[in-house]
N, C-alpha and C. Protein backbone atom coordinates (compact mmCIF):
# COMPACT_ATOMS: atom_id res chain seq x y z
N MET A 1 3.14 1.28 -28.94
CA MET A 1 2.82 1.11 -27.53
C MET A 1 3.28 2.35 -26.77
N ILE A 2 2.40 2.87 -25.96
CA ILE A 2 2.69 4.07 -25.20
C ILE A 2 3.23 3.76 -23.81
N TYR A 3 2.77 2.67 -23.22
CA TYR A 3 3.16 2.37 -21.84
C TYR A 3 3.22 0.87 -21.63
N SER A 4 4.30 0.42 -21.05
CA SER A 4 4.44 -1.00 -20.71
C SER A 4 5.43 -1.11 -19.56
N ALA A 5 5.23 -2.10 -18.71
CA ALA A 5 6.14 -2.34 -17.59
C ALA A 5 6.21 -3.84 -17.33
N SER A 6 7.31 -4.45 -17.72
CA SER A 6 7.47 -5.89 -17.49
C SER A 6 8.10 -6.15 -16.13
N ILE A 7 7.75 -7.29 -15.57
CA ILE A 7 8.35 -7.75 -14.32
C ILE A 7 9.78 -8.19 -14.65
N PRO A 8 10.78 -7.77 -13.87
CA PRO A 8 12.15 -8.20 -14.14
C PRO A 8 12.24 -9.72 -14.26
N HIS A 9 13.06 -10.18 -15.19
CA HIS A 9 13.13 -11.60 -15.53
C HIS A 9 13.35 -12.50 -14.30
N GLU A 10 14.34 -12.19 -13.49
CA GLU A 10 14.65 -13.02 -12.31
C GLU A 10 13.50 -13.01 -11.30
N THR A 11 12.83 -11.88 -11.16
CA THR A 11 11.66 -11.80 -10.28
C THR A 11 10.55 -12.70 -10.81
N GLY A 12 10.36 -12.71 -12.13
CA GLY A 12 9.35 -13.57 -12.75
C GLY A 12 9.60 -15.04 -12.48
N ILE A 13 10.84 -15.45 -12.53
CA ILE A 13 11.20 -16.85 -12.24
C ILE A 13 10.83 -17.20 -10.80
N LYS A 14 11.14 -16.28 -9.87
CA LYS A 14 10.82 -16.49 -8.46
C LYS A 14 9.31 -16.56 -8.24
N ILE A 15 8.57 -15.70 -8.93
CA ILE A 15 7.11 -15.67 -8.78
C ILE A 15 6.50 -17.00 -9.20
N LYS A 16 6.94 -17.56 -10.31
CA LYS A 16 6.40 -18.84 -10.77
C LYS A 16 6.62 -19.93 -9.72
N LYS A 17 7.78 -19.94 -9.10
CA LYS A 17 8.07 -20.92 -8.04
C LYS A 17 7.21 -20.68 -6.81
N MET A 18 7.01 -19.41 -6.45
CA MET A 18 6.20 -19.07 -5.29
C MET A 18 4.74 -19.49 -5.48
N ILE A 19 4.21 -19.28 -6.68
CA ILE A 19 2.83 -19.66 -6.95
C ILE A 19 2.63 -21.14 -6.65
N LEU A 20 3.54 -21.96 -7.12
CA LEU A 20 3.45 -23.41 -6.90
C LEU A 20 3.72 -23.76 -5.44
N LYS A 21 4.67 -23.08 -4.80
CA LYS A 21 5.01 -23.34 -3.40
C LYS A 21 3.80 -23.19 -2.49
N TYR A 22 2.94 -22.21 -2.79
CA TYR A 22 1.79 -21.93 -1.94
C TYR A 22 0.50 -22.57 -2.45
N GLY A 23 0.63 -23.55 -3.35
CA GLY A 23 -0.53 -24.32 -3.80
C GLY A 23 -1.51 -23.54 -4.65
N LEU A 24 -1.04 -22.51 -5.31
CA LEU A 24 -1.88 -21.71 -6.19
C LEU A 24 -1.63 -22.14 -7.64
N ASP A 25 -2.39 -21.59 -8.54
CA ASP A 25 -2.15 -21.77 -9.97
C ASP A 25 -2.69 -20.52 -10.64
N GLY A 26 -2.41 -20.35 -11.91
CA GLY A 26 -2.91 -19.15 -12.56
C GLY A 26 -2.40 -18.95 -13.95
N ILE A 27 -2.29 -17.67 -14.31
CA ILE A 27 -1.92 -17.26 -15.66
C ILE A 27 -0.93 -16.10 -15.57
N LEU A 28 0.11 -16.18 -16.39
CA LEU A 28 1.08 -15.11 -16.51
C LEU A 28 0.74 -14.35 -17.78
N GLU A 29 0.63 -13.03 -17.70
CA GLU A 29 0.20 -12.24 -18.85
C GLU A 29 1.33 -11.32 -19.31
N GLY A 30 1.71 -11.48 -20.58
CA GLY A 30 2.73 -10.63 -21.17
C GLY A 30 2.18 -9.88 -22.36
N THR A 31 2.99 -9.02 -22.95
CA THR A 31 2.53 -8.26 -24.11
C THR A 31 2.37 -9.15 -25.34
N GLU A 32 3.10 -10.26 -25.38
CA GLU A 32 3.05 -11.15 -26.53
C GLU A 32 2.03 -12.28 -26.39
N SER A 33 1.82 -12.75 -25.16
CA SER A 33 0.98 -13.93 -24.98
C SER A 33 0.64 -14.13 -23.51
N CYS A 34 -0.14 -15.19 -23.25
CA CYS A 34 -0.47 -15.63 -21.90
C CYS A 34 0.16 -16.99 -21.69
N TYR A 35 0.65 -17.24 -20.49
CA TYR A 35 1.39 -18.46 -20.19
C TYR A 35 0.74 -19.21 -19.03
N PHE A 36 0.60 -20.51 -19.21
CA PHE A 36 0.03 -21.39 -18.19
C PHE A 36 1.04 -22.46 -17.83
N ASN A 37 0.88 -23.02 -16.63
CA ASN A 37 1.68 -24.17 -16.24
C ASN A 37 1.30 -25.34 -17.15
N LYS A 38 2.28 -26.12 -17.56
CA LYS A 38 1.97 -27.23 -18.50
C LYS A 38 1.19 -28.36 -17.81
N GLU A 39 1.33 -28.47 -16.51
CA GLU A 39 0.61 -29.50 -15.77
C GLU A 39 -0.89 -29.18 -15.73
N GLU A 40 -1.72 -30.19 -15.79
CA GLU A 40 -3.17 -30.00 -15.66
C GLU A 40 -3.47 -29.46 -14.26
N SER A 41 -4.17 -28.36 -14.18
CA SER A 41 -4.45 -27.73 -12.90
C SER A 41 -5.55 -28.47 -12.15
N ARG A 42 -5.40 -28.55 -10.84
CA ARG A 42 -6.46 -29.11 -10.02
C ARG A 42 -7.55 -28.06 -9.77
N ILE A 43 -7.24 -26.80 -10.06
CA ILE A 43 -8.18 -25.70 -9.82
C ILE A 43 -9.01 -25.49 -11.08
N GLU A 44 -10.31 -25.74 -10.95
CA GLU A 44 -11.20 -25.70 -12.10
C GLU A 44 -11.18 -24.36 -12.83
N LYS A 45 -11.14 -23.25 -12.09
CA LYS A 45 -11.14 -21.93 -12.72
C LYS A 45 -9.94 -21.75 -13.65
N VAL A 46 -8.81 -22.32 -13.29
CA VAL A 46 -7.62 -22.23 -14.14
C VAL A 46 -7.83 -23.03 -15.42
N ARG A 47 -8.39 -24.22 -15.29
CA ARG A 47 -8.65 -25.04 -16.49
C ARG A 47 -9.61 -24.33 -17.43
N ILE A 48 -10.64 -23.72 -16.88
CA ILE A 48 -11.63 -23.00 -17.70
C ILE A 48 -10.97 -21.80 -18.38
N MET A 49 -10.17 -21.05 -17.62
CA MET A 49 -9.51 -19.88 -18.19
C MET A 49 -8.53 -20.29 -19.30
N LYS A 50 -7.81 -21.37 -19.09
CA LYS A 50 -6.85 -21.84 -20.09
C LYS A 50 -7.58 -22.21 -21.39
N GLU A 51 -8.70 -22.90 -21.28
CA GLU A 51 -9.49 -23.26 -22.46
C GLU A 51 -9.97 -22.00 -23.18
N HIS A 52 -10.45 -21.02 -22.42
CA HIS A 52 -10.96 -19.78 -23.01
C HIS A 52 -9.84 -19.01 -23.73
N VAL A 53 -8.71 -18.85 -23.06
CA VAL A 53 -7.58 -18.12 -23.65
C VAL A 53 -7.07 -18.85 -24.89
N ALA A 54 -6.99 -20.18 -24.82
CA ALA A 54 -6.54 -20.96 -25.98
C ALA A 54 -7.51 -20.82 -27.14
N SER A 55 -8.81 -20.80 -26.86
CA SER A 55 -9.81 -20.68 -27.93
C SER A 55 -9.72 -19.34 -28.65
N GLU A 56 -9.19 -18.32 -27.97
CA GLU A 56 -9.01 -17.00 -28.58
C GLU A 56 -7.64 -16.86 -29.25
N GLY A 57 -6.82 -17.92 -29.17
CA GLY A 57 -5.50 -17.89 -29.80
C GLY A 57 -4.44 -17.11 -29.04
N ASN A 58 -4.65 -16.90 -27.74
CA ASN A 58 -3.72 -16.10 -26.94
C ASN A 58 -2.89 -16.92 -25.95
N CYS A 59 -2.90 -18.22 -26.09
CA CYS A 59 -2.19 -19.10 -25.16
C CYS A 59 -0.85 -19.51 -25.78
N SER A 60 0.22 -19.18 -25.11
CA SER A 60 1.55 -19.50 -25.62
C SER A 60 1.82 -21.00 -25.49
N PRO A 61 2.57 -21.56 -26.43
CA PRO A 61 3.00 -22.96 -26.28
C PRO A 61 4.09 -23.10 -25.21
N LEU A 62 4.68 -21.97 -24.78
CA LEU A 62 5.70 -22.01 -23.74
C LEU A 62 5.03 -22.22 -22.38
N SER A 63 5.70 -22.98 -21.53
CA SER A 63 5.17 -23.29 -20.21
C SER A 63 5.94 -22.52 -19.14
N TRP A 64 5.49 -22.64 -17.90
CA TRP A 64 6.15 -21.97 -16.78
C TRP A 64 7.58 -22.45 -16.57
N ASP A 65 7.86 -23.69 -16.93
CA ASP A 65 9.21 -24.21 -16.68
C ASP A 65 10.23 -23.71 -17.69
N GLU A 66 9.78 -22.94 -18.66
CA GLU A 66 10.70 -22.34 -19.63
C GLU A 66 10.95 -20.90 -19.21
N ASP A 67 12.19 -20.49 -19.24
CA ASP A 67 12.57 -19.18 -18.73
C ASP A 67 13.00 -18.22 -19.84
N CYS A 68 12.38 -18.32 -21.00
CA CYS A 68 12.80 -17.51 -22.15
C CYS A 68 11.83 -16.37 -22.46
N TYR A 69 10.98 -16.01 -21.52
CA TYR A 69 10.02 -14.93 -21.75
C TYR A 69 9.82 -14.13 -20.47
N ASP A 70 9.30 -12.94 -20.63
CA ASP A 70 8.95 -12.09 -19.49
C ASP A 70 7.44 -11.87 -19.50
N PHE A 71 6.91 -11.44 -18.38
CA PHE A 71 5.48 -11.13 -18.28
C PHE A 71 5.30 -9.85 -17.49
N ASP A 72 4.13 -9.22 -17.67
CA ASP A 72 3.86 -7.90 -17.10
C ASP A 72 3.05 -7.96 -15.82
N LYS A 73 2.17 -8.93 -15.73
CA LYS A 73 1.32 -9.11 -14.55
C LYS A 73 0.91 -10.58 -14.53
N PHE A 74 0.20 -10.96 -13.48
CA PHE A 74 -0.24 -12.34 -13.38
C PHE A 74 -1.48 -12.44 -12.51
N CYS A 75 -2.21 -13.50 -12.71
CA CYS A 75 -3.38 -13.80 -11.89
C CYS A 75 -3.16 -15.14 -11.22
N VAL A 76 -3.58 -15.24 -9.98
CA VAL A 76 -3.52 -16.52 -9.27
C VAL A 76 -4.91 -16.87 -8.78
N MET A 77 -5.14 -18.19 -8.72
CA MET A 77 -6.40 -18.70 -8.21
C MET A 77 -6.09 -19.69 -7.10
N GLU A 78 -6.98 -19.72 -6.13
CA GLU A 78 -6.77 -20.58 -4.98
C GLU A 78 -7.91 -21.57 -4.82
N ASP A 79 -7.63 -22.61 -4.06
CA ASP A 79 -8.66 -23.55 -3.62
C ASP A 79 -8.38 -23.86 -2.15
N GLU A 80 -9.04 -24.85 -1.62
CA GLU A 80 -8.89 -25.17 -0.19
C GLU A 80 -7.48 -25.66 0.17
N GLN A 81 -6.68 -26.05 -0.80
CA GLN A 81 -5.30 -26.51 -0.54
C GLN A 81 -4.27 -25.38 -0.66
N SER A 82 -4.71 -24.19 -0.98
CA SER A 82 -3.81 -23.06 -1.22
C SER A 82 -3.58 -22.23 0.03
N ASP A 83 -2.46 -21.52 0.05
CA ASP A 83 -2.13 -20.59 1.13
C ASP A 83 -1.91 -19.20 0.53
N MET A 84 -3.00 -18.51 0.24
CA MET A 84 -2.92 -17.19 -0.38
C MET A 84 -2.28 -16.17 0.56
N LYS A 85 -2.55 -16.27 1.86
CA LYS A 85 -1.96 -15.33 2.81
C LYS A 85 -0.44 -15.46 2.83
N GLY A 86 0.06 -16.70 2.82
CA GLY A 86 1.50 -16.92 2.79
C GLY A 86 2.12 -16.38 1.50
N PHE A 87 1.42 -16.60 0.40
CA PHE A 87 1.90 -16.09 -0.89
C PHE A 87 1.96 -14.57 -0.87
N ALA A 88 0.92 -13.94 -0.38
CA ALA A 88 0.88 -12.47 -0.33
C ALA A 88 1.99 -11.92 0.55
N ARG A 89 2.24 -12.58 1.68
CA ARG A 89 3.33 -12.14 2.58
C ARG A 89 4.67 -12.21 1.86
N GLU A 90 4.93 -13.34 1.18
CA GLU A 90 6.22 -13.50 0.51
C GLU A 90 6.33 -12.59 -0.71
N LEU A 91 5.25 -12.35 -1.40
CA LEU A 91 5.28 -11.48 -2.58
C LEU A 91 5.65 -10.06 -2.16
N GLY A 92 5.17 -9.64 -1.01
CA GLY A 92 5.57 -8.36 -0.44
C GLY A 92 4.88 -7.16 -1.05
N LEU A 93 5.46 -6.01 -0.82
CA LEU A 93 4.85 -4.74 -1.19
C LEU A 93 5.20 -4.29 -2.61
N ASP A 94 5.98 -5.10 -3.33
CA ASP A 94 6.35 -4.73 -4.69
C ASP A 94 5.21 -4.97 -5.68
N PHE A 95 4.14 -5.62 -5.20
CA PHE A 95 2.99 -5.92 -6.07
C PHE A 95 1.70 -5.53 -5.37
N ASP A 96 0.75 -5.06 -6.16
CA ASP A 96 -0.60 -4.84 -5.67
C ASP A 96 -1.41 -6.08 -6.01
N ILE A 97 -2.07 -6.63 -5.00
CA ILE A 97 -2.90 -7.83 -5.20
C ILE A 97 -4.35 -7.38 -5.17
N ILE A 98 -5.03 -7.57 -6.29
CA ILE A 98 -6.42 -7.14 -6.44
C ILE A 98 -7.31 -8.37 -6.28
N ASN A 99 -8.14 -8.36 -5.26
CA ASN A 99 -9.07 -9.47 -5.02
C ASN A 99 -10.25 -9.32 -5.97
N ARG A 100 -10.34 -10.22 -6.95
CA ARG A 100 -11.43 -10.17 -7.93
C ARG A 100 -12.61 -11.01 -7.48
N GLY A 101 -12.50 -11.64 -6.32
CA GLY A 101 -13.58 -12.44 -5.76
C GLY A 101 -13.51 -13.89 -6.18
N GLY A 102 -14.08 -14.76 -5.36
CA GLY A 102 -14.16 -16.18 -5.68
C GLY A 102 -12.82 -16.88 -5.75
N GLY A 103 -11.82 -16.42 -4.99
CA GLY A 103 -10.52 -17.06 -5.00
C GLY A 103 -9.66 -16.69 -6.20
N PHE A 104 -9.95 -15.54 -6.82
CA PHE A 104 -9.24 -15.08 -8.01
C PHE A 104 -8.57 -13.74 -7.69
N TYR A 105 -7.26 -13.66 -7.90
CA TYR A 105 -6.49 -12.47 -7.55
C TYR A 105 -5.64 -12.03 -8.74
N GLU A 106 -5.66 -10.75 -9.02
CA GLU A 106 -4.84 -10.18 -10.08
C GLU A 106 -3.67 -9.46 -9.41
N CYS A 107 -2.46 -9.71 -9.86
CA CYS A 107 -1.26 -9.15 -9.24
C CYS A 107 -0.51 -8.28 -10.26
N VAL A 108 -0.34 -7.02 -9.91
CA VAL A 108 0.34 -6.08 -10.80
C VAL A 108 1.48 -5.41 -10.04
N PRO A 109 2.58 -5.10 -10.74
CA PRO A 109 3.67 -4.40 -10.07
C PRO A 109 3.18 -3.09 -9.45
N ALA A 110 3.57 -2.84 -8.21
CA ALA A 110 3.17 -1.61 -7.52
C ALA A 110 3.59 -0.40 -8.36
N GLY A 111 2.69 0.57 -8.46
CA GLY A 111 2.98 1.77 -9.22
C GLY A 111 2.67 1.67 -10.70
N HIS A 112 2.10 0.53 -11.12
CA HIS A 112 1.78 0.32 -12.54
C HIS A 112 0.33 -0.14 -12.68
N SER A 113 -0.58 0.74 -12.33
CA SER A 113 -2.00 0.42 -12.37
C SER A 113 -2.63 0.92 -13.67
N LYS A 114 -3.91 0.68 -13.81
CA LYS A 114 -4.64 1.23 -14.96
C LYS A 114 -4.66 2.76 -14.88
N ALA A 115 -4.66 3.31 -13.69
CA ALA A 115 -4.60 4.77 -13.55
C ALA A 115 -3.27 5.30 -14.07
N THR A 116 -2.19 4.60 -13.79
CA THR A 116 -0.88 5.00 -14.30
C THR A 116 -0.88 5.02 -15.82
N ALA A 117 -1.47 4.00 -16.42
CA ALA A 117 -1.54 3.93 -17.88
C ALA A 117 -2.37 5.08 -18.45
N ILE A 118 -3.49 5.40 -17.82
CA ILE A 118 -4.33 6.51 -18.28
C ILE A 118 -3.54 7.82 -18.21
N GLU A 119 -2.83 8.01 -17.12
CA GLU A 119 -2.02 9.22 -16.97
C GLU A 119 -1.00 9.35 -18.10
N GLU A 120 -0.37 8.26 -18.47
CA GLU A 120 0.60 8.27 -19.56
C GLU A 120 -0.06 8.57 -20.91
N VAL A 121 -1.21 7.98 -21.15
CA VAL A 121 -1.91 8.17 -22.43
C VAL A 121 -2.37 9.62 -22.58
N ILE A 122 -2.96 10.18 -21.53
CA ILE A 122 -3.44 11.57 -21.66
C ILE A 122 -2.26 12.54 -21.78
N ARG A 123 -1.16 12.24 -21.12
CA ARG A 123 0.04 13.08 -21.27
C ARG A 123 0.56 12.98 -22.70
N HIS A 124 0.65 11.78 -23.23
CA HIS A 124 1.16 11.55 -24.59
C HIS A 124 0.33 12.29 -25.64
N TYR A 125 -0.98 12.23 -25.50
CA TYR A 125 -1.87 12.84 -26.48
C TYR A 125 -2.28 14.26 -26.14
N GLY A 126 -1.92 14.74 -24.96
CA GLY A 126 -2.28 16.09 -24.56
C GLY A 126 -3.77 16.26 -24.30
N VAL A 127 -4.39 15.22 -23.79
CA VAL A 127 -5.83 15.23 -23.50
C VAL A 127 -6.02 15.63 -22.04
N ASP A 128 -7.03 16.42 -21.78
CA ASP A 128 -7.34 16.82 -20.42
C ASP A 128 -8.06 15.67 -19.71
N LEU A 129 -7.79 15.50 -18.44
CA LEU A 129 -8.43 14.43 -17.67
C LEU A 129 -9.95 14.55 -17.70
N SER A 130 -10.47 15.76 -17.75
CA SER A 130 -11.93 15.93 -17.78
C SER A 130 -12.55 15.44 -19.08
N ASP A 131 -11.74 15.25 -20.11
CA ASP A 131 -12.21 14.72 -21.39
C ASP A 131 -11.92 13.23 -21.55
N THR A 132 -11.54 12.59 -20.47
CA THR A 132 -11.19 11.17 -20.48
C THR A 132 -12.34 10.36 -19.87
N TYR A 133 -12.72 9.29 -20.57
CA TYR A 133 -13.80 8.41 -20.11
C TYR A 133 -13.25 7.02 -19.92
N VAL A 134 -13.58 6.40 -18.80
CA VAL A 134 -13.15 5.03 -18.53
C VAL A 134 -14.37 4.14 -18.36
N PHE A 135 -14.21 2.90 -18.77
CA PHE A 135 -15.27 1.90 -18.68
C PHE A 135 -14.76 0.77 -17.80
N GLY A 136 -15.57 0.30 -16.86
CA GLY A 136 -15.11 -0.77 -16.00
C GLY A 136 -16.24 -1.60 -15.43
N ASP A 137 -15.84 -2.77 -14.91
CA ASP A 137 -16.81 -3.68 -14.33
C ASP A 137 -16.25 -4.48 -13.15
N SER A 138 -14.96 -4.40 -12.91
CA SER A 138 -14.33 -5.27 -11.93
C SER A 138 -13.45 -4.48 -10.98
N THR A 139 -13.08 -5.11 -9.89
CA THR A 139 -12.21 -4.46 -8.91
C THR A 139 -10.84 -4.11 -9.50
N ASN A 140 -10.44 -4.76 -10.60
CA ASN A 140 -9.17 -4.38 -11.21
C ASN A 140 -9.27 -3.03 -11.92
N ASP A 141 -10.46 -2.46 -11.99
CA ASP A 141 -10.69 -1.14 -12.58
C ASP A 141 -10.74 -0.03 -11.53
N LEU A 142 -10.62 -0.39 -10.27
CA LEU A 142 -10.79 0.58 -9.18
C LEU A 142 -9.81 1.74 -9.28
N SER A 143 -8.54 1.48 -9.58
CA SER A 143 -7.56 2.57 -9.62
C SER A 143 -7.93 3.61 -10.68
N MET A 144 -8.42 3.16 -11.84
CA MET A 144 -8.79 4.14 -12.88
C MET A 144 -10.09 4.86 -12.53
N PHE A 145 -11.00 4.18 -11.82
CA PHE A 145 -12.23 4.84 -11.38
C PHE A 145 -11.91 5.90 -10.33
N GLU A 146 -10.95 5.64 -9.48
CA GLU A 146 -10.54 6.63 -8.47
C GLU A 146 -9.84 7.82 -9.13
N TYR A 147 -9.17 7.60 -10.24
CA TYR A 147 -8.39 8.63 -10.91
C TYR A 147 -9.21 9.48 -11.88
N ALA A 148 -10.01 8.84 -12.70
CA ALA A 148 -10.73 9.53 -13.77
C ALA A 148 -11.93 10.32 -13.24
N LYS A 149 -12.41 11.20 -14.08
CA LYS A 149 -13.58 12.02 -13.72
C LYS A 149 -14.87 11.47 -14.32
N ASN A 150 -14.78 10.77 -15.45
CA ASN A 150 -15.94 10.23 -16.15
C ASN A 150 -15.83 8.71 -16.13
N CYS A 151 -16.57 8.09 -15.24
CA CYS A 151 -16.44 6.65 -14.99
C CYS A 151 -17.74 5.94 -15.37
N ILE A 152 -17.68 5.12 -16.40
CA ILE A 152 -18.85 4.43 -16.90
C ILE A 152 -18.82 3.00 -16.35
N LEU A 153 -19.86 2.66 -15.63
CA LEU A 153 -19.96 1.36 -14.98
C LEU A 153 -20.82 0.43 -15.81
N MET A 154 -20.27 -0.73 -16.16
CA MET A 154 -20.97 -1.72 -16.96
C MET A 154 -22.11 -2.35 -16.13
N GLY A 155 -23.08 -2.92 -16.83
CA GLY A 155 -24.24 -3.52 -16.18
C GLY A 155 -23.88 -4.53 -15.10
N HIS A 156 -23.16 -5.58 -15.46
CA HIS A 156 -22.64 -6.53 -14.46
C HIS A 156 -21.34 -5.93 -13.94
N HIS A 157 -21.27 -5.67 -12.64
CA HIS A 157 -20.09 -4.99 -12.10
C HIS A 157 -19.89 -5.31 -10.62
N SER A 158 -18.69 -5.00 -10.17
CA SER A 158 -18.36 -5.11 -8.75
C SER A 158 -18.88 -3.88 -8.03
N VAL A 159 -19.52 -4.09 -6.89
CA VAL A 159 -20.13 -2.98 -6.15
C VAL A 159 -19.09 -1.97 -5.67
N GLU A 160 -17.84 -2.37 -5.53
CA GLU A 160 -16.79 -1.47 -5.08
C GLU A 160 -16.61 -0.26 -6.00
N LEU A 161 -17.05 -0.38 -7.25
CA LEU A 161 -16.90 0.70 -8.22
C LEU A 161 -18.03 1.72 -8.16
N GLU A 162 -19.14 1.36 -7.56
CA GLU A 162 -20.33 2.20 -7.59
C GLU A 162 -20.13 3.62 -7.06
N PRO A 163 -19.37 3.84 -5.98
CA PRO A 163 -19.21 5.23 -5.50
C PRO A 163 -18.56 6.17 -6.51
N TYR A 164 -17.87 5.64 -7.50
CA TYR A 164 -17.14 6.46 -8.46
C TYR A 164 -17.87 6.61 -9.80
N ALA A 165 -18.93 5.86 -9.99
CA ALA A 165 -19.62 5.84 -11.28
C ALA A 165 -20.30 7.17 -11.57
N THR A 166 -20.12 7.66 -12.78
CA THR A 166 -20.81 8.87 -13.23
C THR A 166 -21.89 8.51 -14.25
N PHE A 167 -21.87 7.27 -14.75
CA PHE A 167 -22.87 6.82 -15.71
C PHE A 167 -22.93 5.30 -15.64
N TYR A 168 -24.13 4.76 -15.66
CA TYR A 168 -24.33 3.30 -15.68
C TYR A 168 -24.77 2.92 -17.09
N THR A 169 -24.22 1.83 -17.61
CA THR A 169 -24.59 1.39 -18.95
C THR A 169 -25.00 -0.08 -18.92
N LYS A 170 -25.24 -0.61 -20.08
CA LYS A 170 -25.66 -2.01 -20.22
C LYS A 170 -24.46 -2.95 -20.04
N ASN A 171 -24.74 -4.24 -20.04
CA ASN A 171 -23.69 -5.24 -19.95
C ASN A 171 -22.78 -5.19 -21.18
N VAL A 172 -21.58 -5.69 -21.03
CA VAL A 172 -20.63 -5.74 -22.15
C VAL A 172 -21.25 -6.47 -23.33
N GLU A 173 -21.82 -7.65 -23.06
CA GLU A 173 -22.38 -8.47 -24.14
C GLU A 173 -23.64 -7.88 -24.77
N ASP A 174 -24.17 -6.83 -24.17
CA ASP A 174 -25.34 -6.12 -24.72
C ASP A 174 -24.92 -4.78 -25.34
N ASP A 175 -23.66 -4.71 -25.77
CA ASP A 175 -23.10 -3.51 -26.41
C ASP A 175 -23.14 -2.29 -25.48
N GLY A 176 -22.81 -2.52 -24.21
CA GLY A 176 -22.85 -1.46 -23.21
C GLY A 176 -21.90 -0.31 -23.50
N VAL A 177 -20.73 -0.59 -24.08
CA VAL A 177 -19.78 0.48 -24.40
C VAL A 177 -20.38 1.39 -25.48
N ALA A 178 -20.87 0.79 -26.55
CA ALA A 178 -21.47 1.57 -27.64
C ALA A 178 -22.68 2.37 -27.14
N TYR A 179 -23.50 1.75 -26.32
CA TYR A 179 -24.68 2.40 -25.77
C TYR A 179 -24.26 3.66 -24.99
N ALA A 180 -23.30 3.52 -24.11
CA ALA A 180 -22.85 4.66 -23.29
C ALA A 180 -22.24 5.76 -24.16
N MET A 181 -21.45 5.37 -25.13
CA MET A 181 -20.81 6.37 -25.98
C MET A 181 -21.86 7.19 -26.75
N LYS A 182 -22.92 6.53 -27.19
CA LYS A 182 -24.00 7.25 -27.88
C LYS A 182 -24.74 8.16 -26.91
N LYS A 183 -25.12 7.62 -25.75
CA LYS A 183 -25.89 8.40 -24.76
C LYS A 183 -25.11 9.61 -24.25
N LEU A 184 -23.77 9.45 -24.15
CA LEU A 184 -22.94 10.53 -23.65
C LEU A 184 -22.48 11.49 -24.76
N GLY A 185 -22.89 11.21 -25.99
CA GLY A 185 -22.55 12.09 -27.11
C GLY A 185 -21.10 12.00 -27.55
N LEU A 186 -20.46 10.87 -27.29
CA LEU A 186 -19.06 10.68 -27.67
C LEU A 186 -18.90 10.21 -29.10
N VAL A 187 -19.96 9.60 -29.64
CA VAL A 187 -19.95 9.16 -31.05
C VAL A 187 -21.22 9.62 -31.74
């Protein structure tokens, strides 16, 4: 592993309590696994995501009420009973909250974006930024699209990425990454 940044343990405990306090639910993502609240969520998107993550074998048997693990980032989902604005206020400036649309928010520690990771990887390998290609489709890819010079936009994508795109490719499920790599002469 070249780059990783975990949320401090005590901060993680507070975050789990805050998510519930503001009527949100979601997923905690660590390097080892993904963690869900053990209670059945009233938010359908959380139930769907939990089923999907479990089907891929990435769902930890540990629940939010267990304090024996750390996580690196988290996603929260809201419904009409949630107070996302209150949560964002209490979470403060130590985290960047990325609105993925439809009541879905990705929260990452400030200063630890996808652009930060790219910077570390190219430094580690001695690669020039002009020789770096990024692929994205969502608003959580915005920081790397703003940073990189070669930005490949997937077929289904968030419009916020369009101003930075240098190449448009097919959808992920239509082998868009392979298609772009061939068209751009990377493979």
